Amino acid sequence: MPCYEFNPELRPDRDDGRCESCRKFLTMECEYIDHFMEEEIE
């Protein structure tokens, strides 16, 4: 996803471009929350 906004406390070696490292992951601020919710429903 092109929207990564990394947690500022994340160590540089953990800044890997994964959603789990994003401050918005699984929050209402995430622009792609519908995508994640669809995965959970299936």
PDB file of N, CA and C in Angstrom:
ATOM      1  N   MET A   1       0.851  -1.174   0.000  1.00  0.00           N
ATOM      2  CA  MET A   1       0.000   0.000   0.000  1.00  0.00           C
ATOM      3  C   MET A   1       0.905   1.247   0.000  1.00  0.00           C
ATOM      4  N   PRO A   2       0.504   2.275  -0.675  1.00  0.00           N
ATOM      5  CA  PRO A   2       1.364   3.467  -0.780  1.00  0.00           C
ATOM      6  C   PRO A   2       1.241   4.418   0.404  1.00  0.00           C
ATOM      7  N   CYS A   3       0.547   4.039   1.466  1.00  0.00           N
ATOM      8  CA  CYS A   3       0.171   4.996   2.505  1.00  0.00           C
ATOM      9  C   CYS A   3       0.959   4.879   3.794  1.00  0.00           C
ATOM     10  N   TYR A   4       2.013   4.073   3.836  1.00  0.00           N
ATOM     11  CA  TYR A   4       2.696   3.811   5.097  1.00  0.00           C
ATOM     12  C   TYR A   4       3.068   5.076   5.843  1.00  0.00           C
ATOM     13  N   GLU A   5       2.637   5.155   7.097  1.00  0.00           N
ATOM     14  CA  GLU A   5       3.041   6.233   7.992  1.00  0.00           C
ATOM     15  C   GLU A   5       3.608   5.536   9.215  1.00  0.00           C
ATOM     16  N   PHE A   6       4.911   5.457   9.266  1.00  0.00           N
ATOM     17  CA  PHE A   6       5.554   4.611  10.262  1.00  0.00           C
ATOM     18  C   PHE A   6       5.522   5.194  11.661  1.00  0.00           C
ATOM     19  N   ASN A   7       5.481   4.318  12.593  1.00  0.00           N
ATOM     20  CA  ASN A   7       5.568   4.663  13.994  1.00  0.00           C
ATOM     21  C   ASN A   7       6.940   5.299  14.238  1.00  0.00           C
ATOM     22  N   PRO A   8       7.004   6.524  14.789  1.00  0.00           N
ATOM     23  CA  PRO A   8       8.288   7.202  14.970  1.00  0.00           C
ATOM     24  C   PRO A   8       9.200   6.507  15.972  1.00  0.00           C
ATOM     25  N   GLU A   9       8.637   5.626  16.804  1.00  0.00           N
ATOM     26  CA  GLU A   9       9.464   4.912  17.776  1.00  0.00           C
ATOM     27  C   GLU A   9       9.991   3.597  17.219  1.00  0.00           C
ATOM     28  N   LEU A  10       9.652   3.292  15.989  1.00  0.00           N
ATOM     29  CA  LEU A  10      10.116   2.061  15.354  1.00  0.00           C
ATOM     30  C   LEU A  10      11.596   2.178  15.029  1.00  0.00           C
ATOM     31  N   ARG A  11      12.364   1.178  15.403  1.00  0.00           N
ATOM     32  CA  ARG A  11      13.797   1.188  15.083  1.00  0.00           C
ATOM     33  C   ARG A  11      13.977   1.133  13.567  1.00  0.00           C
ATOM     34  N   PRO A  12      15.012   1.795  13.041  1.00  0.00           N
ATOM     35  CA  PRO A  12      15.230   1.807  11.575  1.00  0.00           C
ATOM     36  C   PRO A  12      15.269   0.412  10.945  1.00  0.00           C
ATOM     37  N   ASP A  13      15.822  -0.567  11.648  1.00  0.00           N
ATOM     38  CA  ASP A  13      15.892  -1.914  11.080  1.00  0.00           C
ATOM     39  C   ASP A  13      14.535  -2.606  11.058  1.00  0.00           C
ATOM     40  N   ARG A  14      13.534  -2.049  11.748  1.00  0.00           N
ATOM     41  CA  ARG A  14      12.191  -2.614  11.740  1.00  0.00           C
ATOM     42  C   ARG A  14      11.263  -1.867  10.787  1.00  0.00           C
ATOM     43  N   ASP A  15      11.756  -0.782  10.184  1.00  0.00           N
ATOM     44  CA  ASP A  15      10.967   0.046   9.267  1.00  0.00           C
ATOM     45  C   ASP A  15      10.957  -0.654   7.902  1.00  0.00           C
ATOM     46  N   ASP A  16      10.099  -1.671   7.791  1.00  0.00           N
ATOM     47  CA  ASP A  16      10.160  -2.579   6.649  1.00  0.00           C
ATOM     48  C   ASP A  16       9.017  -2.427   5.646  1.00  0.00           C
ATOM     49  N   GLY A  17       8.216  -1.382   5.787  1.00  0.00           N
ATOM     50  CA  GLY A  17       7.137  -1.175   4.818  1.00  0.00           C
ATOM     51  C   GLY A  17       5.935  -2.071   5.017  1.00  0.00           C
ATOM     52  N   ARG A  18       5.804  -2.631   6.206  1.00  0.00           N
ATOM     53  CA  ARG A  18       4.672  -3.522   6.465  1.00  0.00           C
ATOM     54  C   ARG A  18       3.576  -2.791   7.207  1.00  0.00           C
ATOM     55  N   CYS A  19       2.346  -3.149   6.938  1.00  0.00           N
ATOM     56  CA  CYS A  19       1.212  -2.477   7.580  1.00  0.00           C
ATOM     57  C   CYS A  19       1.274  -2.562   9.098  1.00  0.00           C
ATOM     58  N   GLU A  20       1.809  -3.651   9.631  1.00  0.00           N
ATOM     59  CA  GLU A  20       1.861  -3.816  11.080  1.00  0.00           C
ATOM     60  C   GLU A  20       2.704  -2.736  11.742  1.00  0.00           C
ATOM     61  N   SER A  21       3.564  -2.079  10.971  1.00  0.00           N
ATOM     62  CA  SER A  21       4.425  -1.030  11.509  1.00  0.00           C
ATOM     63  C   SER A  21       3.804   0.351  11.362  1.00  0.00           C
ATOM     64  N   CYS A  22       2.633   0.426  10.769  1.00  0.00           N
ATOM     65  CA  CYS A  22       1.987   1.703  10.494  1.00  0.00           C
ATOM     66  C   CYS A  22       1.177   2.151  11.698  1.00  0.00           C
ATOM     67  N   ARG A  23       1.248   3.445  12.026  1.00  0.00           N
ATOM     68  CA  ARG A  23       0.480   3.959  13.159  1.00  0.00           C
ATOM     69  C   ARG A  23      -1.017   3.878  12.907  1.00  0.00           C
ATOM     70  N   LYS A  24      -1.410   3.776  11.655  1.00  0.00           N
ATOM     71  CA  LYS A  24      -2.838   3.758  11.313  1.00  0.00           C
ATOM     72  C   LYS A  24      -3.383   2.346  11.130  1.00  0.00           C
ATOM     73  N   PHE A  25      -2.555   1.332  11.306  1.00  0.00           N
ATOM     74  CA  PHE A  25      -2.956  -0.054  11.066  1.00  0.00           C
ATOM     75  C   PHE A  25      -4.159  -0.429  11.930  1.00  0.00           C
ATOM     76  N   LEU A  26      -5.219  -0.876  11.263  1.00  0.00           N
ATOM     77  CA  LEU A  26      -6.459  -1.301  11.901  1.00  0.00           C
ATOM     78  C   LEU A  26      -7.086  -0.227  12.792  1.00  0.00           C
ATOM     79  N   THR A  27      -6.935   1.028  12.389  1.00  0.00           N
ATOM     80  CA  THR A  27      -7.638   2.119  13.068  1.00  0.00           C
ATOM     81  C   THR A  27      -8.568   2.761  12.052  1.00  0.00           C
ATOM     82  N   MET A  28      -9.455   3.604  12.525  1.00  0.00           N
ATOM     83  CA  MET A  28     -10.381   4.287  11.624  1.00  0.00           C
ATOM     84  C   MET A  28      -9.656   5.295  10.728  1.00  0.00           C
ATOM     85  N   GLU A  29      -8.409   5.640  11.047  1.00  0.00           N
ATOM     86  CA  GLU A  29      -7.630   6.557  10.218  1.00  0.00           C
ATOM     87  C   GLU A  29      -7.079   5.872   8.970  1.00  0.00           C
ATOM     88  N   CYS A  30      -7.066   4.550   8.978  1.00  0.00           N
ATOM     89  CA  CYS A  30      -6.528   3.798   7.843  1.00  0.00           C
ATOM     90  C   CYS A  30      -7.461   3.920   6.643  1.00  0.00           C
ATOM     91  N   GLU A  31      -6.904   4.380   5.528  1.00  0.00           N
ATOM     92  CA  GLU A  31      -7.709   4.537   4.311  1.00  0.00           C
ATOM     93  C   GLU A  31      -8.132   3.194   3.721  1.00  0.00           C
ATOM     94  N   TYR A  32      -7.475   2.120   4.147  1.00  0.00           N
ATOM     95  CA  TYR A  32      -7.732   0.800   3.581  1.00  0.00           C
ATOM     96  C   TYR A  32      -8.388  -0.144   4.583  1.00  0.00           C
ATOM     97  N   ILE A  33      -9.017   0.416   5.620  1.00  0.00           N
ATOM     98  CA  ILE A  33      -9.615  -0.429   6.651  1.00  0.00           C
ATOM     99  C   ILE A  33     -10.634  -1.403   6.059  1.00  0.00           C
ATOM    100  N   ASP A  34     -11.362  -0.990   5.042  1.00  0.00           N
ATOM    101  CA  ASP A  34     -12.334  -1.896   4.408  1.00  0.00           C
ATOM    102  C   ASP A  34     -11.646  -3.127   3.832  1.00  0.00           C
ATOM    103  N   HIS A  35     -10.475  -2.931   3.275  1.00  0.00           N
ATOM    104  CA  HIS A  35      -9.708  -4.046   2.712  1.00  0.00           C
ATOM    105  C   HIS A  35      -9.382  -5.062   3.804  1.00  0.00           C
ATOM    106  N   PHE A  36      -8.939  -4.577   4.964  1.00  0.00           N
ATOM    107  CA  PHE A  36      -8.585  -5.491   6.053  1.00  0.00           C
ATOM    108  C   PHE A  36      -9.821  -6.159   6.619  1.00  0.00           C
ATOM    109  N   MET A  37     -10.907  -5.438   6.729  1.00  0.00           N
ATOM    110  CA  MET A  37     -12.133  -5.998   7.271  1.00  0.00           C
ATOM    111  C   MET A  37     -12.689  -7.089   6.361  1.00  0.00           C
ATOM    112  N   GLU A  38     -12.576  -6.917   5.063  1.00  0.00           N
ATOM    113  CA  GLU A  38     -13.026  -7.943   4.116  1.00  0.00           C
ATOM    114  C   GLU A  38     -12.232  -9.218   4.294  1.00  0.00           C
ATOM    115  N   GLU A  39     -10.915  -9.105   4.567  1.00  0.00           N
ATOM    116  CA  GLU A  39     -10.089 -10.290   4.778  1.00  0.00           C
ATOM    117  C   GLU A  39     -10.543 -11.050   6.014  1.00  0.00           C
ATOM    118  N   GLU A  40     -10.924 -10.339   7.067  1.00  0.00           N
ATOM    119  CA  GLU A  40     -11.364 -10.975   8.306  1.00  0.00           C
ATOM    120  C   GLU A  40     -12.705 -11.692   8.115  1.00  0.00           C
ATOM    121  N   ILE A  41     -13.584 -11.139   7.297  1.00  0.00           N
ATOM    122  CA  ILE A  41     -14.917 -11.723   7.096  1.00  0.00           C
ATOM    123  C   ILE A  41     -14.841 -13.016   6.297  1.00  0.00           C
ATOM    124  N   GLU A  42     -13.940 -13.082   5.356  1.00  0.00           N
ATOM    125  CA  GLU A  42     -13.843 -14.261   4.477  1.00  0.00           C
ATOM    126  C   GLU A  42     -13.324 -15.463   5.167  1.00  0.00           C
TER     127      GLU A  42
END
